[in-house]
């Protein structure tokens, strides 16, 4: 069973998936950094605050002794949109990568046509004629 697992784990597809998973996680950090550090501040110029901190307050909370808001109920739409932008960027880049990989793959050549020769009917007719002549 251990040998079977080793064979399964060392198959090219599984290793490729593992590498893609690690690269995807690293790429997601880059995209999150791009969105959080560049896109959100630029969009934040419109709102005069950090875009990621935008929220719709449903119920205001109270401020405790440490200056922290407690009991606030809010819809964090700025964070949601930031994550949505992250997702769209990652999905678009993955689409471009897959499209490039598919172009690089060798196009399968059609199987060579069977050599032309007499059909089954022609062969049967020839055998019949040979047997008649005997």
N, C-alpha and C. Protein backbone atom coordinates (compact mmCIF):
# COMPACT_ATOMS: atom_id res chain seq x y z
N UNK A 1 0.83 -1.18 0.00
CA UNK A 1 0.00 0.00 0.00
C UNK A 1 0.88 1.26 0.00
N UNK A 2 1.98 1.22 0.73
CA UNK A 2 2.89 2.37 0.78
C UNK A 2 3.50 2.63 -0.59
N UNK A 3 3.84 1.54 -1.30
CA UNK A 3 4.41 1.69 -2.65
C UNK A 3 3.39 2.32 -3.60
N UNK A 4 2.14 1.87 -3.49
CA UNK A 4 1.08 2.44 -4.33
C UNK A 4 0.90 3.93 -4.05
N UNK A 5 0.93 4.29 -2.77
CA UNK A 5 0.79 5.70 -2.41
C UNK A 5 1.95 6.51 -2.97
N UNK A 6 3.18 5.96 -2.87
CA UNK A 6 4.36 6.66 -3.39
C UNK A 6 4.23 6.85 -4.90
N UNK A 7 3.79 5.80 -5.59
CA UNK A 7 3.60 5.91 -7.04
C UNK A 7 2.55 6.97 -7.37
N UNK A 8 1.47 6.99 -6.60
CA UNK A 8 0.41 7.98 -6.82
C UNK A 8 0.94 9.39 -6.55
N UNK A 9 1.66 9.56 -5.45
CA UNK A 9 2.15 10.89 -5.06
C UNK A 9 3.20 11.41 -6.03
N UNK A 10 3.94 10.52 -6.65
CA UNK A 10 5.01 10.95 -7.55
C UNK A 10 4.56 11.08 -9.00
N UNK A 11 3.30 10.82 -9.25
CA UNK A 11 2.79 11.02 -10.62
C UNK A 11 2.94 12.49 -10.98
N UNK A 12 3.19 12.75 -12.22
CA UNK A 12 3.39 14.13 -12.68
C UNK A 12 2.24 15.06 -12.37
N UNK A 13 1.02 14.58 -12.53
CA UNK A 13 -0.13 15.45 -12.33
C UNK A 13 -0.23 15.93 -10.89
N UNK A 14 -0.01 15.04 -9.94
CA UNK A 14 -0.14 15.42 -8.54
C UNK A 14 0.95 16.41 -8.15
N UNK A 15 2.16 16.18 -8.61
CA UNK A 15 3.26 17.12 -8.32
C UNK A 15 2.97 18.46 -8.97
N UNK A 16 2.47 18.44 -10.19
CA UNK A 16 2.12 19.69 -10.88
C UNK A 16 1.05 20.46 -10.11
N UNK A 17 0.08 19.74 -9.59
CA UNK A 17 -0.99 20.40 -8.83
C UNK A 17 -0.43 21.02 -7.56
N UNK A 18 0.48 20.30 -6.89
CA UNK A 18 1.08 20.82 -5.66
C UNK A 18 1.88 22.09 -5.94
N UNK A 19 2.66 22.07 -6.99
CA UNK A 19 3.45 23.25 -7.36
C UNK A 19 2.52 24.40 -7.72
N UNK A 20 1.47 24.12 -8.48
CA UNK A 20 0.51 25.17 -8.86
C UNK A 20 -0.18 25.74 -7.62
N UNK A 21 -0.48 24.90 -6.65
CA UNK A 21 -1.12 25.36 -5.43
C UNK A 21 -0.22 26.33 -4.67
N UNK A 22 1.05 25.97 -4.53
CA UNK A 22 2.00 26.84 -3.82
C UNK A 22 2.19 28.15 -4.58
N UNK A 23 2.33 28.06 -5.90
CA UNK A 23 2.50 29.27 -6.70
C UNK A 23 1.25 30.13 -6.65
N UNK A 24 0.08 29.50 -6.65
CA UNK A 24 -1.17 30.25 -6.56
C UNK A 24 -1.30 30.99 -5.25
N UNK A 25 -0.88 30.34 -4.15
CA UNK A 25 -0.94 31.01 -2.84
C UNK A 25 0.00 32.22 -2.82
N UNK A 26 1.20 32.05 -3.37
CA UNK A 26 2.15 33.16 -3.42
C UNK A 26 1.63 34.27 -4.33
N UNK A 27 1.04 33.88 -5.46
CA UNK A 27 0.50 34.87 -6.39
C UNK A 27 -0.65 35.63 -5.75
N UNK A 28 -1.47 34.93 -4.96
CA UNK A 28 -2.57 35.59 -4.29
C UNK A 28 -2.06 36.66 -3.33
N UNK A 29 -0.94 36.41 -2.67
CA UNK A 29 -0.37 37.42 -1.78
C UNK A 29 0.08 38.64 -2.57
N UNK A 30 0.66 38.40 -3.73
CA UNK A 30 1.11 39.51 -4.58
C UNK A 30 -0.10 40.34 -5.02
N UNK A 31 -1.16 39.66 -5.44
CA UNK A 31 -2.36 40.36 -5.90
C UNK A 31 -2.99 41.13 -4.74
N UNK A 32 -3.05 40.50 -3.56
CA UNK A 32 -3.62 41.18 -2.39
C UNK A 32 -2.81 42.41 -2.04
N UNK A 33 -1.50 42.30 -2.14
CA UNK A 33 -0.63 43.44 -1.88
C UNK A 33 -0.87 44.54 -2.90
N UNK A 34 -1.00 44.15 -4.17
CA UNK A 34 -1.27 45.12 -5.24
C UNK A 34 -2.60 45.83 -5.00
N UNK A 35 -3.62 45.04 -4.70
CA UNK A 35 -4.94 45.63 -4.48
C UNK A 35 -4.97 46.50 -3.24
N UNK A 36 -4.40 45.98 -2.15
CA UNK A 36 -4.41 46.73 -0.90
C UNK A 36 -3.50 47.94 -0.89
N UNK A 37 -2.36 47.84 -1.60
CA UNK A 37 -1.39 48.92 -1.57
C UNK A 37 -1.49 49.93 -2.69
N UNK A 38 -2.10 49.54 -3.79
CA UNK A 38 -2.16 50.45 -4.95
C UNK A 38 -3.60 50.76 -5.35
N UNK A 39 -4.40 49.72 -5.59
CA UNK A 39 -5.76 49.94 -6.09
C UNK A 39 -6.64 50.58 -5.03
N UNK A 40 -6.66 50.02 -3.82
CA UNK A 40 -7.52 50.56 -2.76
C UNK A 40 -7.21 52.02 -2.43
N UNK A 41 -5.94 52.40 -2.28
CA UNK A 41 -5.68 53.82 -2.01
C UNK A 41 -6.14 54.74 -3.14
N UNK A 42 -5.97 54.29 -4.38
CA UNK A 42 -6.42 55.12 -5.50
C UNK A 42 -7.94 55.27 -5.49
N UNK A 43 -8.64 54.18 -5.24
CA UNK A 43 -10.10 54.26 -5.14
C UNK A 43 -10.48 55.03 -3.88
N UNK A 44 -9.66 54.89 -2.83
CA UNK A 44 -9.91 55.60 -1.58
C UNK A 44 -9.85 57.11 -1.72
N UNK A 45 -9.16 57.58 -2.74
CA UNK A 45 -9.14 59.03 -2.99
C UNK A 45 -10.55 59.56 -3.23
N UNK A 46 -11.38 58.73 -3.85
CA UNK A 46 -12.76 59.13 -4.12
C UNK A 46 -13.52 59.28 -2.80
N UNK A 47 -13.28 58.36 -1.87
CA UNK A 47 -14.03 58.34 -0.61
C UNK A 47 -13.33 59.12 0.51
N UNK A 48 -12.17 59.66 0.21
CA UNK A 48 -11.38 60.43 1.19
C UNK A 48 -11.01 59.58 2.42
N UNK A 49 -10.89 58.27 2.23
CA UNK A 49 -10.43 57.37 3.30
C UNK A 49 -9.99 56.06 2.64
N UNK A 50 -9.42 55.17 3.44
CA UNK A 50 -8.99 53.88 2.90
C UNK A 50 -10.21 53.11 2.41
N UNK A 51 -10.17 52.69 1.17
CA UNK A 51 -11.30 52.01 0.55
C UNK A 51 -11.65 50.73 1.29
N UNK A 52 -10.64 50.00 1.75
CA UNK A 52 -10.88 48.73 2.42
C UNK A 52 -11.65 48.92 3.74
N UNK A 53 -11.57 50.10 4.33
CA UNK A 53 -12.24 50.37 5.60
C UNK A 53 -13.67 50.88 5.43
N UNK A 54 -14.15 50.97 4.19
CA UNK A 54 -15.51 51.46 3.97
C UNK A 54 -16.52 50.45 4.50
N UNK A 55 -17.54 50.94 5.17
CA UNK A 55 -18.56 50.06 5.72
C UNK A 55 -19.87 50.82 5.86
N UNK A 56 -20.94 50.06 5.91
CA UNK A 56 -22.27 50.60 6.14
C UNK A 56 -22.66 50.20 7.55
N UNK A 57 -22.75 51.19 8.43
CA UNK A 57 -23.04 50.91 9.83
C UNK A 57 -24.55 50.73 10.00
N UNK A 58 -24.93 49.57 10.49
CA UNK A 58 -26.33 49.25 10.71
C UNK A 58 -26.73 49.63 12.14
N UNK A 59 -25.86 49.30 13.08
CA UNK A 59 -26.13 49.63 14.47
C UNK A 59 -24.82 50.10 15.10
N UNK A 60 -24.84 51.32 15.63
CA UNK A 60 -23.62 51.86 16.22
C UNK A 60 -23.36 51.21 17.57
N UNK A 61 -22.11 50.98 17.83
CA UNK A 61 -21.72 50.40 19.11
C UNK A 61 -21.27 51.49 20.06
N UNK A 62 -20.67 51.05 21.14
CA UNK A 62 -20.16 51.99 22.13
C UNK A 62 -18.65 51.90 22.16
N UNK A 63 -18.02 52.96 22.64
CA UNK A 63 -16.56 52.99 22.73
C UNK A 63 -16.19 52.59 24.16
N UNK A 64 -15.30 51.58 24.25
CA UNK A 64 -14.88 51.16 25.59
C UNK A 64 -13.71 52.01 26.08
N UNK A 65 -13.17 51.67 27.24
CA UNK A 65 -12.09 52.46 27.86
C UNK A 65 -10.82 52.48 27.01
N UNK A 66 -10.61 51.42 26.22
CA UNK A 66 -9.41 51.35 25.39
C UNK A 66 -9.59 52.11 24.07
N UNK A 67 -10.74 52.67 23.84
CA UNK A 67 -11.00 53.43 22.62
C UNK A 67 -11.44 52.56 21.47
N UNK A 68 -11.80 51.31 21.76
CA UNK A 68 -12.23 50.38 20.73
C UNK A 68 -13.75 50.35 20.67
N UNK A 69 -14.31 50.30 19.46
CA UNK A 69 -15.76 50.26 19.28
C UNK A 69 -16.24 48.84 19.58
N UNK A 70 -17.23 48.72 20.45
CA UNK A 70 -17.76 47.42 20.84
C UNK A 70 -19.24 47.39 20.50
N UNK A 71 -19.69 46.27 19.91
CA UNK A 71 -21.11 46.09 19.64
C UNK A 71 -21.59 46.71 18.34
N UNK A 72 -20.68 47.17 17.50
CA UNK A 72 -21.08 47.77 16.23
C UNK A 72 -21.45 46.67 15.24
N UNK A 73 -22.53 46.88 14.53
CA UNK A 73 -22.96 45.97 13.47
C UNK A 73 -22.83 46.74 12.16
N UNK A 74 -21.99 46.21 11.26
CA UNK A 74 -21.74 46.93 10.01
C UNK A 74 -21.54 45.95 8.86
N UNK A 75 -21.87 46.40 7.66
CA UNK A 75 -21.61 45.66 6.43
C UNK A 75 -20.28 46.18 5.89
N UNK A 76 -19.28 45.30 5.82
CA UNK A 76 -17.94 45.71 5.40
C UNK A 76 -17.83 45.60 3.87
N UNK A 77 -18.50 46.50 3.17
CA UNK A 77 -18.54 46.42 1.72
C UNK A 77 -17.22 46.78 1.07
N UNK A 78 -16.42 47.62 1.68
CA UNK A 78 -15.12 47.98 1.13
C UNK A 78 -14.18 46.79 1.11
N UNK A 79 -14.16 46.03 2.18
CA UNK A 79 -13.33 44.83 2.24
C UNK A 79 -13.82 43.79 1.24
N UNK A 80 -15.15 43.65 1.13
CA UNK A 80 -15.71 42.71 0.18
C UNK A 80 -15.31 43.07 -1.25
N UNK A 81 -15.44 44.34 -1.61
CA UNK A 81 -15.08 44.75 -2.98
C UNK A 81 -13.58 44.59 -3.23
N UNK A 82 -12.76 44.83 -2.21
CA UNK A 82 -11.32 44.62 -2.36
C UNK A 82 -11.03 43.14 -2.64
N UNK A 83 -11.68 42.26 -1.90
CA UNK A 83 -11.49 40.82 -2.13
C UNK A 83 -12.04 40.40 -3.48
N UNK A 84 -13.13 41.01 -3.91
CA UNK A 84 -13.69 40.72 -5.23
C UNK A 84 -12.73 41.15 -6.34
N UNK A 85 -12.11 42.31 -6.18
CA UNK A 85 -11.11 42.77 -7.15
C UNK A 85 -9.93 41.80 -7.17
N UNK A 86 -9.49 41.34 -5.99
CA UNK A 86 -8.42 40.33 -5.92
C UNK A 86 -8.80 39.10 -6.74
N UNK A 87 -10.02 38.61 -6.52
CA UNK A 87 -10.48 37.41 -7.21
C UNK A 87 -10.50 37.62 -8.72
N UNK A 88 -11.01 38.75 -9.16
CA UNK A 88 -11.10 39.02 -10.60
C UNK A 88 -9.71 39.06 -11.22
N UNK A 89 -8.76 39.69 -10.53
CA UNK A 89 -7.39 39.76 -11.06
C UNK A 89 -6.79 38.36 -11.15
N UNK A 90 -6.93 37.57 -10.08
CA UNK A 90 -6.38 36.20 -10.09
C UNK A 90 -7.05 35.36 -11.17
N UNK A 91 -8.36 35.44 -11.29
CA UNK A 91 -9.08 34.66 -12.29
C UNK A 91 -8.65 35.06 -13.70
N UNK A 92 -8.48 36.36 -13.94
CA UNK A 92 -8.06 36.81 -15.27
C UNK A 92 -6.66 36.33 -15.62
N UNK A 93 -5.75 36.44 -14.65
CA UNK A 93 -4.38 35.98 -14.90
C UNK A 93 -4.35 34.48 -15.13
N UNK A 94 -5.12 33.71 -14.36
CA UNK A 94 -5.17 32.26 -14.57
C UNK A 94 -5.74 31.94 -15.95
N UNK A 95 -6.73 32.70 -16.38
CA UNK A 95 -7.30 32.52 -17.73
C UNK A 95 -6.23 32.74 -18.79
N UNK A 96 -5.44 33.81 -18.63
CA UNK A 96 -4.39 34.11 -19.60
C UNK A 96 -3.32 33.01 -19.60
N UNK A 97 -2.96 32.54 -18.40
CA UNK A 97 -1.94 31.48 -18.31
C UNK A 97 -2.43 30.20 -18.98
N UNK A 98 -3.66 29.79 -18.68
CA UNK A 98 -4.20 28.56 -19.27
C UNK A 98 -4.32 28.70 -20.78
N UNK A 99 -4.73 29.88 -21.23
CA UNK A 99 -4.84 30.11 -22.67
C UNK A 99 -3.46 29.99 -23.34
N UNK A 100 -2.42 30.54 -22.68
CA UNK A 100 -1.06 30.43 -23.21
C UNK A 100 -0.56 28.99 -23.22
N UNK A 101 -0.87 28.25 -22.15
CA UNK A 101 -0.45 26.85 -22.09
C UNK A 101 -1.11 26.04 -23.19
N UNK A 102 -2.40 26.29 -23.40
CA UNK A 102 -3.11 25.56 -24.46
C UNK A 102 -2.55 25.88 -25.84
N UNK A 103 -2.09 27.11 -26.06
CA UNK A 103 -1.49 27.46 -27.35
C UNK A 103 -0.15 26.77 -27.53
N UNK A 104 0.59 26.61 -26.42
CA UNK A 104 1.92 26.01 -26.50
C UNK A 104 1.87 24.50 -26.72
N UNK A 105 0.79 23.87 -26.29
CA UNK A 105 0.67 22.43 -26.47
C UNK A 105 0.66 22.11 -27.95
N UNK A 106 1.29 20.99 -28.27
CA UNK A 106 1.27 20.58 -29.67
C UNK A 106 -0.15 20.19 -30.05
N UNK A 107 -0.53 20.69 -31.18
CA UNK A 107 -1.86 20.32 -31.65
C UNK A 107 -1.78 18.88 -32.14
N UNK A 108 -2.74 18.10 -31.71
CA UNK A 108 -2.75 16.70 -32.12
C UNK A 108 -3.00 16.60 -33.61
N UNK A 109 -2.10 15.87 -34.25
CA UNK A 109 -2.27 15.67 -35.68
C UNK A 109 -3.28 14.56 -35.89
N UNK A 110 -4.12 14.71 -36.89
CA UNK A 110 -5.09 13.64 -37.14
C UNK A 110 -4.36 12.35 -37.51
N UNK A 111 -4.95 11.25 -37.14
CA UNK A 111 -4.36 9.94 -37.45
C UNK A 111 -4.27 9.79 -38.96
N UNK A 112 -3.18 9.20 -39.41
CA UNK A 112 -3.05 9.04 -40.87
C UNK A 112 -4.19 8.16 -41.40
N UNK A 113 -4.63 8.52 -42.57
CA UNK A 113 -5.73 7.78 -43.19
C UNK A 113 -5.27 6.37 -43.52
N UNK A 114 -6.19 5.44 -43.44
CA UNK A 114 -5.87 4.04 -43.78
C UNK A 114 -5.46 3.99 -45.25
N UNK A 115 -4.49 3.17 -45.55
CA UNK A 115 -4.05 3.10 -46.95
C UNK A 115 -5.21 2.66 -47.84
N UNK A 116 -5.26 3.30 -49.00
CA UNK A 116 -6.33 2.98 -49.94
C UNK A 116 -6.06 1.60 -50.54
N UNK A 117 -7.07 0.87 -50.61
CA UNK A 117 -6.97 -0.47 -51.19
C UNK A 117 -8.36 -0.92 -51.57
N UNK A 118 -8.46 -2.14 -51.99
CA UNK A 118 -9.78 -2.63 -52.38
C UNK A 118 -10.68 -2.75 -51.15
N UNK A 119 -11.95 -2.52 -51.37
CA UNK A 119 -12.92 -2.62 -50.28
C UNK A 119 -13.23 -4.09 -50.02
N UNK A 120 -13.95 -4.33 -48.95
CA UNK A 120 -14.34 -5.71 -48.62
C UNK A 120 -15.16 -6.33 -49.74
N UNK A 121 -16.05 -5.53 -50.30
CA UNK A 121 -16.88 -6.05 -51.39
C UNK A 121 -16.04 -6.42 -52.61
N UNK A 122 -15.03 -5.60 -52.90
CA UNK A 122 -14.15 -5.89 -54.04
C UNK A 122 -13.40 -7.20 -53.81
N UNK A 123 -12.90 -7.39 -52.59
CA UNK A 123 -12.16 -8.62 -52.28
C UNK A 123 -13.07 -9.84 -52.36
N UNK A 124 -14.28 -9.73 -51.83
CA UNK A 124 -15.21 -10.86 -51.90
C UNK A 124 -15.59 -11.18 -53.34
N UNK A 125 -15.78 -10.14 -54.14
CA UNK A 125 -16.10 -10.35 -55.56
C UNK A 125 -14.95 -11.05 -56.27
N UNK A 126 -13.71 -10.65 -55.97
CA UNK A 126 -12.54 -11.26 -56.58
C UNK A 126 -12.41 -12.73 -56.17
N UNK A 127 -12.67 -13.02 -54.89
CA UNK A 127 -12.60 -14.42 -54.42
C UNK A 127 -13.67 -15.25 -55.11
N UNK A 128 -14.89 -14.71 -55.24
CA UNK A 128 -15.97 -15.41 -55.90
C UNK A 128 -15.61 -15.72 -57.34
N UNK A 129 -15.03 -14.72 -58.02
CA UNK A 129 -14.67 -14.93 -59.43
C UNK A 129 -13.56 -15.96 -59.57
N UNK A 130 -12.60 -15.97 -58.64
CA UNK A 130 -11.52 -16.96 -58.68
C UNK A 130 -12.08 -18.36 -58.45
N UNK A 131 -13.03 -18.48 -57.53
CA UNK A 131 -13.61 -19.80 -57.27
C UNK A 131 -14.47 -20.30 -58.43
N UNK A 132 -15.09 -19.36 -59.17
CA UNK A 132 -15.91 -19.75 -60.33
C UNK A 132 -15.02 -20.31 -61.43
N UNK A 133 -13.85 -19.74 -61.59
CA UNK A 133 -12.96 -20.13 -62.67
C UNK A 133 -12.29 -21.47 -62.42
N UNK A 134 -12.33 -22.03 -61.24
CA UNK A 134 -11.68 -23.31 -60.95
C UNK A 134 -12.50 -24.45 -61.33
